[in-house]
């Protein structure tokens, strides 16, 4: 799975399937049911840490599939495999505003909805109207924004086993030049502040209320601290990066060490934002 995550970390999956369309998704679900095989669904692996022993059963990867999209005025429907960056560009190029915040967030639309991804002045909940999902029995359903129960880096999708097929976004008309300028500004901020040149899974921890993770980690003297090949980024202490063939064990030990130090120094319990999957 190291070839399928932005961390470049992870043991093997027993089987990896990239579906061409919704019918392929339904077929994989049927096979998993009939063979009583575990099924794990991932996007494009940008917010994911796979353990060193890998994942048993079938991994269904949607990040390179389900890339359809359509527009009707300010209503956009995107397949869950469309990259978030592409969604932003398509919406901005059409002269609509509301998704600029997501221009530099890695990952697929489906994963972004699942996590209620956000940055700067926005979150996915601000634009999502509904989501089409498939149950493990192969039934297609539509969930409204209210059904999704969005919260900070959370949606009801995390508490269910449905598979996101597509999402409907509603945005407002705007000035193309202003939209592009805003996206350029956000992109430049990311480039200047985040370690985009080394493998990572994005921000390692959720932001505690009233605190900044990077600041606490840096003030605790952990910037550049390493366990094995995993390092607290010297560019932004809110990121753990893979600097030298890190294992999942390296990353998990580093996460635990950071949590311990921040709890000691600030009485704050850091909660990982990175999703951890795989055999223990």
Protein backbone atom coordinates (compact mmCIF):
# COMPACT_ATOMS: atom_id res chain seq x y z
CA UNK A 1 0.00 0.00 0.00
CA UNK A 2 3.03 2.28 0.13
CA UNK A 3 2.42 2.92 -3.58
CA UNK A 4 -1.14 4.07 -2.87
CA UNK A 5 -0.70 6.53 0.01
CA UNK A 6 0.81 10.00 0.10
CA UNK A 7 2.88 8.89 3.12
CA UNK A 8 4.59 6.22 0.95
CA UNK A 9 4.10 3.85 3.87
CA UNK A 10 2.15 0.62 4.29
CA UNK A 11 2.28 -3.14 3.96
CA UNK A 12 0.53 -5.14 1.24
CA UNK A 13 -3.19 -5.53 0.65
CA UNK A 14 -4.41 -9.01 -0.21
CA UNK A 15 -6.19 -7.51 -3.23
CA UNK A 16 -6.52 -3.97 -4.57
CA UNK A 17 -9.38 -3.03 -6.89
CA UNK A 18 -9.80 0.27 -8.75
CA UNK A 19 -13.37 0.35 -10.15
CA UNK A 20 -14.22 1.88 -13.52
CA UNK A 21 -17.78 2.80 -12.56
CA UNK A 22 -20.55 2.33 -10.00
CA UNK A 23 -21.39 -1.10 -11.36
CA UNK A 24 -17.84 -2.25 -10.63
CA UNK A 25 -18.28 -1.03 -7.05
CA UNK A 26 -21.47 -3.08 -6.78
CA UNK A 27 -19.67 -6.18 -8.14
CA UNK A 28 -16.85 -5.86 -5.62
CA UNK A 29 -19.38 -5.53 -2.80
CA UNK A 30 -21.17 -8.66 -4.00
CA UNK A 31 -17.92 -10.66 -4.16
CA UNK A 32 -16.92 -9.51 -0.68
CA UNK A 33 -20.32 -10.55 0.69
CA UNK A 34 -20.39 -13.93 -1.03
CA UNK A 35 -16.80 -14.79 -0.11
CA UNK A 36 -17.14 -13.28 3.37
CA UNK A 37 -14.02 -11.26 2.66
CA UNK A 38 -13.18 -8.07 4.57
CA UNK A 39 -13.56 -4.93 2.45
CA UNK A 40 -11.75 -1.64 3.07
CA UNK A 41 -12.64 1.47 1.06
CA UNK A 42 -10.12 4.29 0.55
CA UNK A 43 -9.96 7.46 -1.52
CA UNK A 44 -6.54 8.33 -2.90
CA UNK A 45 -4.69 7.69 0.34
CA UNK A 46 -3.71 11.28 1.15
CA UNK A 47 -4.88 11.25 4.78
CA UNK A 48 -4.05 7.64 5.47
CA UNK A 49 -1.47 5.59 7.37
CA UNK A 50 -1.49 1.87 6.58
CA UNK A 51 0.13 -0.37 9.17
CA UNK A 52 3.24 -2.37 8.25
CA UNK A 53 1.44 -5.73 8.05
CA UNK A 54 -0.91 -4.30 5.44
CA UNK A 55 -4.65 -4.82 4.97
CA UNK A 56 -6.39 -8.16 4.86
CA UNK A 57 -9.10 -8.77 2.29
CA UNK A 58 -10.01 -6.41 -0.54
CA UNK A 59 -9.06 -2.74 -0.73
CA UNK A 60 -11.41 -0.76 -2.96
CA UNK A 61 -9.62 2.40 -4.09
CA UNK A 62 -11.89 5.14 -5.42
CA UNK A 63 -9.27 7.88 -5.79
CA UNK A 64 -8.42 6.94 -9.38
CA UNK A 65 -12.00 6.16 -10.41
CA UNK A 66 -15.50 7.68 -10.50
CA UNK A 67 -14.22 10.89 -12.08
CA UNK A 68 -17.42 12.06 -13.76
CA UNK A 69 -18.82 15.53 -13.21
CA UNK A 70 -21.61 17.79 -14.45
CA UNK A 71 -22.76 21.37 -13.95
CA UNK A 72 -26.11 23.12 -13.90
CA UNK A 73 -25.53 26.80 -13.09
CA UNK A 74 -24.22 26.86 -9.49
CA UNK A 75 -24.97 23.17 -8.93
CA UNK A 76 -22.02 20.84 -9.52
CA UNK A 77 -22.05 17.06 -9.18
CA UNK A 78 -18.67 15.32 -8.91
CA UNK A 79 -17.79 11.64 -8.73
CA UNK A 80 -16.07 10.75 -5.48
CA UNK A 81 -12.78 10.02 -7.26
CA UNK A 82 -12.36 13.52 -8.70
CA UNK A 83 -9.47 15.26 -6.98
CA UNK A 84 -10.39 18.16 -4.72
CA UNK A 85 -7.95 20.38 -6.61
CA UNK A 86 -9.72 19.61 -9.90
CA UNK A 87 -13.12 20.38 -8.33
CA UNK A 88 -11.82 23.77 -7.25
CA UNK A 89 -10.42 24.55 -10.69
CA UNK A 90 -13.59 23.48 -12.52
CA UNK A 91 -15.81 25.56 -10.23
CA UNK A 92 -13.50 28.58 -10.34
CA UNK A 93 -13.07 28.44 -14.11
CA UNK A 94 -16.87 28.47 -14.44
CA UNK A 95 -17.01 31.70 -12.42
CA UNK A 96 -18.38 30.34 -9.16
CA UNK A 97 -17.07 30.96 -5.66
CA UNK A 98 -17.18 28.91 -2.47
CA UNK A 99 -14.53 26.23 -2.93
CA UNK A 100 -11.35 28.30 -3.09
CA UNK A 101 -10.34 27.16 0.41
CA UNK A 102 -9.83 23.61 -0.85
CA UNK A 103 -7.50 24.35 -3.78
CA UNK A 104 -4.41 22.98 -2.08
CA UNK A 105 -5.96 20.19 -0.05
CA UNK A 106 -4.74 16.84 -1.40
CA UNK A 107 -7.12 13.97 -1.87
CA UNK A 108 -10.34 13.02 -3.57
CA UNK A 109 -13.73 14.65 -3.22
CA UNK A 110 -15.16 11.55 -1.56
CA UNK A 111 -12.44 11.58 1.09
CA UNK A 112 -12.88 15.32 1.62
CA UNK A 113 -16.62 14.90 2.26
CA UNK A 114 -15.98 11.91 4.51
CA UNK A 115 -13.54 13.96 6.65
CA UNK A 116 -15.31 17.32 6.22
CA UNK A 117 -11.97 18.63 5.01
CA UNK A 118 -11.31 22.32 5.42
CA UNK A 119 -8.72 25.07 5.42
CA UNK A 120 -8.49 28.82 5.84
CA UNK A 121 -12.04 30.17 5.57
CA UNK A 122 -14.06 27.11 4.63
CA UNK A 123 -15.06 23.47 5.07
CA UNK A 124 -16.78 20.96 2.80
CA UNK A 125 -20.00 21.34 4.79
CA UNK A 126 -20.31 24.88 3.43
CA UNK A 127 -20.79 23.63 -0.13
CA UNK A 128 -22.16 20.07 0.09
CA UNK A 129 -25.90 19.77 -0.58
CA UNK A 130 -26.19 15.99 -0.81
CA UNK A 131 -24.16 12.83 -1.26
CA UNK A 132 -25.01 9.68 -3.20
CA UNK A 133 -23.81 6.55 -1.43
CA UNK A 134 -23.94 2.80 -1.91
CA UNK A 135 -24.67 0.47 1.01
CA UNK A 136 -22.76 -2.77 1.44
CA UNK A 137 -25.80 -4.57 -0.01
CA UNK A 138 -25.44 -2.56 -3.25
CA UNK A 139 -28.38 -0.18 -2.68
CA UNK A 140 -27.88 3.42 -3.81
CA UNK A 141 -29.15 6.15 -1.48
CA UNK A 142 -29.00 9.94 -1.30
CA UNK A 143 -28.03 11.61 1.96
CA UNK A 144 -28.82 15.28 2.62
CA UNK A 145 -26.51 17.75 4.33
CA UNK A 146 -28.55 17.26 7.51
CA UNK A 147 -28.11 13.48 7.26
CA UNK A 148 -24.33 13.96 7.09
CA UNK A 149 -24.19 15.72 10.48
CA UNK A 150 -21.02 17.61 9.66
CA UNK A 151 -18.71 18.69 12.48
CA UNK A 152 -15.04 19.63 12.68
CA UNK A 153 -13.18 17.02 10.56
CA UNK A 154 -16.14 14.69 10.95
CA UNK A 155 -19.25 13.51 9.15
CA UNK A 156 -21.82 10.79 9.79
CA UNK A 157 -20.12 8.85 6.99
CA UNK A 158 -17.37 7.95 9.47
CA UNK A 159 -19.96 6.20 11.64
CA UNK A 160 -21.34 4.05 8.81
CA UNK A 161 -20.02 1.63 6.21
CA UNK A 162 -21.58 3.22 3.12
CA UNK A 163 -19.43 4.10 0.10
CA UNK A 164 -19.49 7.62 -1.31
CA UNK A 165 -20.22 7.59 -5.05
CA UNK A 166 -20.73 11.29 -5.80
CA UNK A 167 -21.45 14.60 -4.12
CA UNK A 168 -23.59 17.57 -5.10
CA UNK A 169 -22.12 20.99 -4.36
CA UNK A 170 -23.90 24.34 -4.50
CA UNK A 171 -21.84 27.49 -4.96
CA UNK A 172 -22.48 31.13 -5.84
CA UNK A 173 -21.53 33.25 -8.87
CA UNK A 174 -18.39 35.30 -8.36
CA UNK A 175 -15.72 37.33 -10.09
CA UNK A 176 -13.30 35.04 -11.94
CA UNK A 177 -10.29 37.25 -11.31
CA UNK A 178 -11.03 37.50 -7.60
CA UNK A 179 -11.61 33.74 -7.35
CA UNK A 180 -8.29 33.01 -9.08
CA UNK A 181 -6.46 35.53 -6.90
CA UNK A 182 -7.84 33.88 -3.77
CA UNK A 183 -6.83 30.41 -4.95
CA UNK A 184 -3.35 31.69 -5.87
CA UNK A 185 -3.00 33.22 -2.40
CA UNK A 186 -4.05 30.04 -0.61
CA UNK A 187 -1.76 27.94 -2.81
CA UNK A 188 1.21 30.20 -2.13
CA UNK A 189 0.56 30.08 1.60
CA UNK A 190 0.62 26.29 1.51
CA UNK A 191 3.83 26.20 -0.51
CA UNK A 192 5.58 28.63 1.84
CA UNK A 193 4.45 27.05 5.12
CA UNK A 194 3.90 23.33 4.56
CA UNK A 195 6.36 20.50 3.78
CA UNK A 196 4.90 19.66 0.38
CA UNK A 197 8.21 18.32 -0.95
CA UNK A 198 8.32 15.26 1.32
CA UNK A 199 5.81 12.43 1.85
CA UNK A 200 3.22 13.01 4.57
CA UNK A 201 -0.46 12.55 5.29
CA UNK A 202 -1.13 16.26 5.79
CA UNK A 203 -1.79 17.69 9.23
CA UNK A 204 -1.17 14.94 11.74
CA UNK A 205 -3.53 16.11 14.48
CA UNK A 206 -6.89 17.81 14.70
CA UNK A 207 -6.69 21.37 15.97
CA UNK A 208 -7.71 21.67 19.64
CA UNK A 209 -10.04 24.57 20.43
CA UNK A 210 -8.08 27.75 21.09
CA UNK A 211 -4.70 26.16 20.29
CA UNK A 212 -2.36 25.64 17.34
CA UNK A 213 -0.79 22.19 17.16
CA UNK A 214 2.34 23.30 15.31
CA UNK A 215 3.03 26.02 17.84
CA UNK A 216 2.71 23.67 20.83
CA UNK A 217 4.89 21.02 19.20
CA UNK A 218 7.55 23.58 18.29
CA UNK A 219 7.51 25.17 21.75
CA UNK A 220 7.99 21.67 23.20
CA UNK A 221 11.28 21.42 21.29
CA UNK A 222 10.07 18.66 18.99
CA UNK A 223 10.63 20.32 15.62
CA UNK A 224 12.94 17.98 13.71
CA UNK A 225 12.58 15.20 16.31
CA UNK A 226 12.81 11.76 14.69
CA UNK A 227 11.89 8.18 15.41
CA UNK A 228 13.27 5.91 12.73
CA UNK A 229 12.50 7.48 9.37
CA UNK A 230 9.58 9.57 10.67
CA UNK A 231 10.26 13.20 11.58
CA UNK A 232 8.39 16.20 12.93
CA UNK A 233 8.71 18.55 9.98
CA UNK A 234 11.27 21.30 10.38
CA UNK A 235 9.10 23.47 8.13
CA UNK A 236 5.80 23.02 9.97
CA UNK A 237 5.70 21.16 13.30
CA UNK A 238 2.07 20.16 12.76
CA UNK A 239 3.21 17.61 10.17
CA UNK A 240 4.96 14.27 10.52
CA UNK A 241 6.96 13.52 7.37
CA UNK A 242 8.59 10.43 5.92
CA UNK A 243 12.23 11.45 5.51
CA UNK A 244 13.98 8.08 5.32
CA UNK A 245 11.90 5.01 4.48
CA UNK A 246 9.74 5.39 7.58
CA UNK A 247 7.55 2.52 8.71
CA UNK A 248 4.04 2.86 10.08
CA UNK A 249 5.47 1.80 13.44
CA UNK A 250 7.89 4.76 13.32
CA UNK A 251 5.00 7.17 12.68
CA UNK A 252 2.73 5.69 15.35
CA UNK A 253 5.51 5.82 17.95
CA UNK A 254 6.19 9.44 17.04
CA UNK A 255 2.48 10.30 17.29
CA UNK A 256 2.34 8.75 20.77
CA UNK A 257 5.48 10.59 21.86
CA UNK A 258 4.12 13.95 20.68
CA UNK A 259 0.78 13.29 22.39
CA UNK A 260 2.59 12.49 25.65
CA UNK A 261 4.72 15.65 25.54
CA UNK A 262 1.83 17.96 24.67
CA UNK A 263 -0.30 16.46 27.44
CA UNK A 264 2.55 17.01 29.90
CA UNK A 265 3.28 20.56 28.77
CA UNK A 266 -0.19 21.92 28.00
CA UNK A 267 -2.68 19.42 29.47
CA UNK A 268 -4.07 19.07 25.93
CA UNK A 269 -4.91 15.67 24.45
CA UNK A 270 -4.06 15.70 20.76
CA UNK A 271 -6.35 13.63 18.52
CA UNK A 272 -4.88 12.29 15.27
CA UNK A 273 -6.45 13.55 12.07
CA UNK A 274 -4.71 10.82 10.07
CA UNK A 275 -6.78 7.67 9.53
CA UNK A 276 -4.91 4.49 10.55
CA UNK A 277 -5.83 1.22 8.83
CA UNK A 278 -4.44 -2.28 8.66
CA UNK A 279 -3.51 -5.37 10.61
CA UNK A 280 -2.06 -4.71 14.04
